[in-house]
C-alpha atoms as a PDB file:
ATOM      1  CA  MET A   1      12.584   4.698 -60.153  1.00  0.00           C
ATOM      2  CA  LEU A   2      13.890   3.453 -56.840  1.00  0.00           C
ATOM      3  CA  HIS A   3      10.774   1.352 -56.476  1.00  0.00           C
ATOM      4  CA  ILE A   4      11.517  -0.308 -59.799  1.00  0.00           C
ATOM      5  CA  CYS A   5      15.129  -0.895 -58.771  1.00  0.00           C
ATOM      6  CA  GLY A   6      13.949  -2.549 -55.585  1.00  0.00           C
ATOM      7  CA  GLN A   7      11.500  -4.751 -57.477  1.00  0.00           C
ATOM      8  CA  LEU A   8      14.240  -5.778 -59.912  1.00  0.00           C
ATOM      9  CA  GLU A   9      16.450  -6.703 -56.972  1.00  0.00           C
ATOM     10  CA  LEU A  10      13.671  -8.852 -55.468  1.00  0.00           C
ATOM     11  CA  VAL A  11      13.175 -10.672 -58.764  1.00  0.00           C
ATOM     12  CA  LYS A  12      16.939 -11.168 -59.023  1.00  0.00           C
ATOM     13  CA  MET A  13      16.893 -12.845 -55.580  1.00  0.00           C
ATOM     14  CA  LYS A  14      14.104 -15.163 -56.764  1.00  0.00           C
ATOM     15  CA  PHE A  15      16.331 -16.344 -59.626  1.00  0.00           C
ATOM     16  CA  GLU A  16      18.842 -17.622 -57.103  1.00  0.00           C
ATOM     17  CA  LYS A  17      16.281 -20.132 -55.778  1.00  0.00           C
ATOM     18  CA  VAL A  18      14.340 -20.902 -58.943  1.00  0.00           C
ATOM     19  CA  PHE A  19      15.621 -24.458 -59.466  1.00  0.00           C
ATOM     20  CA  GLU A  20      16.147 -25.466 -55.830  1.00  0.00           C
ATOM     21  CA  ASN A  21      12.610 -26.787 -55.313  1.00  0.00           C
ATOM     22  CA  ASP A  22      10.099 -28.847 -57.286  1.00  0.00           C
ATOM     23  CA  ASN A  23       7.785 -25.862 -57.796  1.00  0.00           C
ATOM     24  CA  THR A  24       9.933 -24.306 -60.551  1.00  0.00           C
ATOM     25  CA  ASP A  25       6.953 -23.532 -62.739  1.00  0.00           C
ATOM     26  CA  ASP A  26       5.201 -21.578 -59.955  1.00  0.00           C
ATOM     27  CA  ILE A  27       8.335 -19.572 -59.157  1.00  0.00           C
ATOM     28  CA  LEU A  28       8.890 -18.757 -62.848  1.00  0.00           C
ATOM     29  CA  LYS A  29       5.222 -17.786 -63.218  1.00  0.00           C
ATOM     30  CA  ASP A  30       5.578 -15.412 -60.250  1.00  0.00           C
ATOM     31  CA  ILE A  31       8.780 -13.974 -61.741  1.00  0.00           C
ATOM     32  CA  VAL A  32       7.069 -13.382 -65.099  1.00  0.00           C
ATOM     33  CA  GLN A  33       4.153 -11.622 -63.393  1.00  0.00           C
ATOM     34  CA  LYS A  34       6.511  -9.375 -61.423  1.00  0.00           C
ATOM     35  CA  LEU A  35       8.511  -8.574 -64.545  1.00  0.00           C
ATOM     36  CA  GLN A  36       5.338  -7.705 -66.458  1.00  0.00           C
ATOM     37  CA  TYR A  37       4.421  -5.319 -63.615  1.00  0.00           C
ATOM     38  CA  ILE A  38       7.916  -3.758 -63.717  1.00  0.00           C
ATOM     39  CA  TYR A  39       7.939  -3.377 -67.495  1.00  0.00           C
ATOM     40  CA  SER A  40       4.460  -1.828 -67.526  1.00  0.00           C
ATOM     41  CA  PHE A  41       5.414   0.562 -64.705  1.00  0.00           C
ATOM     42  CA  VAL A  42       8.506   1.678 -66.611  1.00  0.00           C
ATOM     43  CA  GLY A  43       6.301   2.140 -69.656  1.00  0.00           C
ATOM     44  CA  GLU A  44       3.928   4.365 -67.687  1.00  0.00           C
ATOM     45  CA  ILE A  45       6.828   6.461 -66.402  1.00  0.00           C
ATOM     46  CA  ASN A  46       8.119   6.835 -69.934  1.00  0.00           C
ATOM     47  CA  ASP A  47       4.703   7.833 -71.236  1.00  0.00           C
ATOM     48  CA  CYS A  48       4.246  10.434 -68.529  1.00  0.00           C
ATOM     49  CA  LEU A  49       7.702  11.956 -68.337  1.00  0.00           C
ATOM     50  CA  MET A  50       9.250  11.474 -71.779  1.00  0.00           C
ATOM     51  CA  PHE A  51       8.583  14.992 -73.013  1.00  0.00           C
ATOM     52  CA  ILE A  52       9.502  16.581 -69.647  1.00  0.00           C
ATOM     53  CA  TYR A  53      12.881  14.826 -69.611  1.00  0.00           C
ATOM     54  CA  GLU A  54      13.623  15.912 -73.159  1.00  0.00           C
ATOM     55  CA  VAL A  55      12.788  19.528 -72.403  1.00  0.00           C
ATOM     56  CA  MET A  56      14.874  19.366 -69.232  1.00  0.00           C
ATOM     57  CA  LEU A  57      17.916  18.059 -71.103  1.00  0.00           C
ATOM     58  CA  LYS A  58      17.601  20.651 -73.893  1.00  0.00           C
ATOM     59  CA  GLN A  59      17.099  23.412 -71.302  1.00  0.00           C
ATOM     60  CA  ASN A  60      20.337  22.415 -69.598  1.00  0.00           C
ATOM     61  CA  ILE A  61      22.210  22.591 -72.916  1.00  0.00           C
ATOM     62  CA  LEU A  62      21.291  26.292 -72.931  1.00  0.00           C
ATOM     63  CA  LEU A  63      21.400  27.090 -69.227  1.00  0.00           C
ATOM     64  CA  LEU A  64      24.829  25.650 -68.375  1.00  0.00           C
ATOM     65  CA  PRO A  65      26.918  27.771 -70.766  1.00  0.00           C
ATOM     66  CA  PHE A  66      24.867  30.985 -70.430  1.00  0.00           C
ATOM     67  CA  THR A  67      24.754  30.995 -66.643  1.00  0.00           C
ATOM     68  CA  SER A  68      28.394  30.005 -66.431  1.00  0.00           C
ATOM     69  CA  HIS A  69      29.285  32.892 -68.706  1.00  0.00           C
ATOM     70  CA  ALA A  70      27.124  35.272 -66.665  1.00  0.00           C
ATOM     71  CA  ILE A  71      28.808  34.120 -63.443  1.00  0.00           C
ATOM     72  CA  ILE A  72      32.291  34.597 -64.927  1.00  0.00           C
ATOM     73  CA  GLN A  73      31.366  38.100 -66.161  1.00  0.00           C
ATOM     74  CA  SER A  74      29.956  39.087 -62.771  1.00  0.00           C
ATOM     75  CA  ILE A  75      33.095  37.825 -61.024  1.00  0.00           C
ATOM     76  CA  LYS A  76      35.221  39.923 -63.422  1.00  0.00           C
ATOM     77  CA  ARG A  77      33.188  42.976 -62.355  1.00  0.00           C
ATOM     78  CA  GLY A  78      33.785  42.081 -58.715  1.00  0.00           C
ATOM     79  CA  GLU A  79      30.225  40.987 -58.048  1.00  0.00           C
ATOM     80  CA  ILE A  80      28.793  37.675 -57.004  1.00  0.00           C
ATOM     81  CA  THR A  81      25.260  37.150 -58.265  1.00  0.00           C
ATOM     82  CA  ALA A  82      23.382  34.619 -56.223  1.00  0.00           C
ATOM     83  CA  GLU A  83      20.654  34.410 -58.859  1.00  0.00           C
ATOM     84  CA  PHE A  84      22.987  32.951 -61.469  1.00  0.00           C
ATOM     85  CA  LEU A  85      24.556  30.595 -58.970  1.00  0.00           C
ATOM     86  CA  GLY A  86      21.094  29.389 -57.996  1.00  0.00           C
ATOM     87  CA  ILE A  87      20.118  28.824 -61.610  1.00  0.00           C
ATOM     88  CA  LEU A  88      23.348  26.952 -62.292  1.00  0.00           C
ATOM     89  CA  LEU A  89      22.936  24.761 -59.211  1.00  0.00           C
ATOM     90  CA  GLN A  90      19.287  24.041 -60.063  1.00  0.00           C
ATOM     91  CA  SER A  91      20.211  23.127 -63.590  1.00  0.00           C
ATOM     92  CA  ILE A  92      22.908  20.716 -62.453  1.00  0.00           C
ATOM     93  CA  ILE A  93      20.698  19.068 -59.820  1.00  0.00           C
ATOM     94  CA  THR A  94      17.599  18.682 -61.980  1.00  0.00           C
ATOM     95  CA  SER A  95      19.568  17.026 -64.736  1.00  0.00           C
ATOM     96  CA  SER A  96      21.828  14.888 -62.536  1.00  0.00           C
ATOM     97  CA  ILE A  97      19.232  13.199 -60.336  1.00  0.00           C
ATOM     98  CA  PRO A  98      17.059  11.596 -63.068  1.00  0.00           C
ATOM     99  CA  CYS A  99      20.185  10.588 -65.006  1.00  0.00           C
ATOM    100  CA  TYR A 100      21.755   8.961 -61.944  1.00  0.00           C
ATOM    101  CA  TYR A 101      18.611   6.997 -61.129  1.00  0.00           C
ATOM    102  CA  GLY A 102      18.097   6.095 -64.783  1.00  0.00           C
ATOM    103  CA  ASP A 103      21.645   4.709 -64.805  1.00  0.00           C
ATOM    104  CA  LEU A 104      20.943   2.762 -61.625  1.00  0.00           C
ATOM    105  CA  LEU A 105      17.792   1.331 -63.218  1.00  0.00           C
ATOM    106  CA  MET A 106      19.760   0.172 -66.266  1.00  0.00           C
ATOM    107  CA  GLN A 107      22.341  -1.409 -63.976  1.00  0.00           C
ATOM    108  CA  LYS A 108      19.686  -3.335 -62.042  1.00  0.00           C
ATOM    109  CA  GLY A 109      18.166  -4.509 -65.298  1.00  0.00           C
ATOM    110  CA  GLU A 110      21.542  -5.817 -66.452  1.00  0.00           C
ATOM    111  CA  GLU A 111      22.025  -7.567 -63.101  1.00  0.00           C
ATOM    112  CA  LEU A 112      18.616  -9.203 -63.519  1.00  0.00           C
ATOM    113  CA  ARG A 113      19.563 -10.416 -66.993  1.00  0.00           C
ATOM    114  CA  LEU A 114      22.764 -11.960 -65.671  1.00  0.00           C
ATOM    115  CA  ALA A 115      20.917 -13.549 -62.748  1.00  0.00           C
ATOM    116  CA  ALA A 116      18.462 -15.123 -65.171  1.00  0.00           C
ATOM    117  CA  TYR A 117      21.303 -16.523 -67.232  1.00  0.00           C
ATOM    118  CA  ASN A 118      23.317 -17.745 -64.243  1.00  0.00           C
ATOM    119  CA  CYS A 119      20.455 -19.430 -62.405  1.00  0.00           C
ATOM    120  CA  GLY A 120      21.513 -22.933 -63.433  1.00  0.00           C
ATOM    121  CA  TRP A 121      19.066 -23.504 -66.306  1.00  0.00           C
ATOM    122  CA  GLU A 122      21.499 -25.680 -68.219  1.00  0.00           C
ATOM    123  CA  CYS A 123      21.291 -28.412 -65.527  1.00  0.00           C
ATOM    124  CA  VAL A 124      17.485 -28.608 -65.540  1.00  0.00           C
ATOM    125  CA  HIS A 125      15.658 -30.718 -68.089  1.00  0.00           C
ATOM    126  CA  LYS A 126      12.138 -29.296 -67.796  1.00  0.00           C
ATOM    127  CA  PRO A 127      11.174 -28.049 -71.239  1.00  0.00           C
ATOM    128  CA  LYS A 128       8.451 -25.704 -69.997  1.00  0.00           C
ATOM    129  CA  ALA A 129      10.762 -24.050 -67.446  1.00  0.00           C
ATOM    130  CA  ARG A 130      13.523 -23.659 -70.008  1.00  0.00           C
ATOM    131  CA  LYS A 131      11.178 -22.083 -72.546  1.00  0.00           C
ATOM    132  CA  THR A 132       9.872 -19.645 -69.944  1.00  0.00           C
ATOM    133  CA  LEU A 133      13.390 -18.742 -68.927  1.00  0.00           C
ATOM    134  CA  LEU A 134      14.399 -18.281 -72.548  1.00  0.00           C
ATOM    135  CA  ILE A 135      11.536 -15.784 -73.016  1.00  0.00           C
ATOM    136  CA  ILE A 136      12.590 -13.952 -69.833  1.00  0.00           C
ATOM    137  CA  MET A 137      16.165 -13.708 -71.029  1.00  0.00           C
ATOM    138  CA  ALA A 138      15.135 -12.595 -74.511  1.00  0.00           C
ATOM    139  CA  ARG A 139      13.069  -9.763 -73.040  1.00  0.00           C
ATOM    140  CA  ALA A 140      15.867  -8.840 -70.624  1.00  0.00           C
ATOM    141  CA  LEU A 141      18.159  -8.106 -73.567  1.00  0.00           C
ATOM    142  CA  ARG A 142      16.301  -4.854 -74.081  1.00  0.00           C
ATOM    143  CA  PRO A 143      17.383  -2.604 -71.177  1.00  0.00           C
ATOM    144  CA  VAL A 144      14.960  -1.442 -68.537  1.00  0.00           C
ATOM    145  CA  ALA A 145      15.450   2.284 -68.991  1.00  0.00           C
ATOM    146  CA  ILE A 146      13.767   5.645 -68.733  1.00  0.00           C
ATOM    147  CA  GLN A 147      13.550   7.337 -72.138  1.00  0.00           C
ATOM    148  CA  SER A 148      13.263  10.873 -73.341  1.00  0.00           C
ATOM    149  CA  ILE A 149      12.143  11.506 -76.892  1.00  0.00           C
ATOM    150  CA  PHE A 150      15.606  11.145 -78.435  1.00  0.00           C
ATOM    151  CA  SER A 151      17.751   9.461 -75.763  1.00  0.00           C
ATOM    152  CA  THR A 152      17.956   7.190 -72.771  1.00  0.00           C
ATOM    153  CA  ILE A 153      18.106   8.978 -69.424  1.00  0.00           C
ATOM    154  CA  CYS A 154      21.431   7.861 -67.927  1.00  0.00           C
ATOM    155  CA  LEU A 155      24.827   9.205 -66.876  1.00  0.00           C
ATOM    156  CA  ASP A 156      26.136   8.880 -70.454  1.00  0.00           C
ATOM    157  CA  THR A 157      23.372  11.205 -71.626  1.00  0.00           C
ATOM    158  CA  LEU A 158      24.200  13.664 -68.856  1.00  0.00           C
ATOM    159  CA  THR A 159      27.834  13.654 -70.017  1.00  0.00           C
ATOM    160  CA  GLU A 160      26.768  14.271 -73.613  1.00  0.00           C
ATOM    161  CA  VAL A 161      24.534  17.158 -72.510  1.00  0.00           C
ATOM    162  CA  SER A 162      27.291  18.631 -70.374  1.00  0.00           C
ATOM    163  CA  LEU A 163      29.839  18.428 -73.210  1.00  0.00           C
ATOM    164  CA  CYS A 164      27.440  19.587 -75.933  1.00  0.00           C
ATOM    165  CA  PRO A 165      27.898  23.367 -75.406  1.00  0.00           C
ATOM    166  CA  HIS A 166      31.660  22.966 -75.500  1.00  0.00           C
ATOM    167  CA  LYS A 167      31.812  21.390 -78.982  1.00  0.00           C
END
């Protein structure tokens, strides 16, 4: 996911210079090729990990309240069980890391969309370049995101999963 974020940042930097030279069509062609690579790579990640992320999120819905309850009960008995603390910590870490990076990926995708819009296209009167940029912006409306079966992997999803047992 960090590789994708870096690639999105590089494409965003290319948008800053897209209309500075006469080779606008070549720069836009390169941007489109890089974006196709990024979108296909995100698609491969989604295909490979979609089910795993969904199971992980559902597992945490069960693990967080049960292990928390077990820890509280062991503390009431005057014991500290390292096993339950380890399970709780593992559950928090394995759900937080993908959600954090998924949120970062969505942020970078939004920054790319804004960079495409703010690149100065309204001052350029090349129909081919404007059409290409329009297609790029239309595709950028759909967020670059990692998906599980039922939800997008991001910090909002982590919050929902964390609050779910308390409802």
